[in-house]
């Protein structure tokens, strides 16, 4: 006889003995949807793995969740466009709004820009249900491919009630990090995703998912960013500080249409070369300039003085690539410098 998983669980829910009685039915496992976008996790030679193939590769996932899947895209992470980011956020919001019984979502992404996509969703998904981003450092054809293990961890985290309300989560290598804080720290190592200064939110252990702390900044269901009227995200560029850097690069960004510029300063806010002139040019053109640090951790405040005016914003402890995302979304809401500074303080 052919048994489905549901039939097996029904049998297991019966206590057998001399006076057989039906035990209380076990609660149904949570439904978790995989939304696949591509990345190394699917990058098999010859043809990329589909969402269905990825789910079939996960050992024991049926112990933790009822897995579902859909194919959103199948591209390297760097090939996803900002328009596709908008579509993906809208798709997840629609799924949560239309399907009250779904417990969470797992999204696959290439690792190169995974932290950027994760933070964008962290600010634009309006639900406290878990959204978990996973990927892999090795392709399916490589020795030691860890994609299936990361997918299993992602499903377990998305299915766990303790994951609700913690924002978008990044799960690789059995570690749970916040989308706001995590960054890729190594080009090749499996433990590449780290949260400098704060540490992991939790871990995926063999027996259970364990959390050690939570996220205090605003996100997901408490976010004010509404994509409904947004057709195109405004252009925001990033300028890196390095010895002898020229300000004309920043001026070119302005002239090419940037509405905002994030400066990855040296240390706690230092510029070099003629970059200060370039920043002054941007501000005279009413282009917002957000100051961050290239060091990888640490909080920064704007330090350049009154000549910069209110259009110079302190980037707090956000990495430059994430400050860019927050500024793009902020500019869809307001052009008020005080309001944008508030957003950088709260998110």
Foldseek 3Di string as FASTA:
>chain_A
DDDDPVRVLCVVQWDDDPDTDGHDRDDAAAEEEEEEAAAQQQDDPPDGDAQVRLVVLAPPLNVHHDYHYDYLHHDAQVPDDVQSLLVVLVVQQCCVVVPVRHQEYEYEHHQPCQLLSQLLSFQRAQFQQEYEYEYWLHHPPDPPTCSNVQVSLRSQLNRDPVSGNQGYWYTFPQFIAHSQFWDQQDNHDRPRIFRPPPGTQWGQDPVHTDGDDGDQFDTHNRHPQYCVVPDDFAAEEEAEADAQDALVVLVVCVVVGHQEYEYAAADQFDHYHHVVVNLLNCVVVLRAYEYEHQPSFDFHADDPDPSSPLSYEYQTTGHRSSSRSLVRRVVVPDSDSVVSNVSSVRD
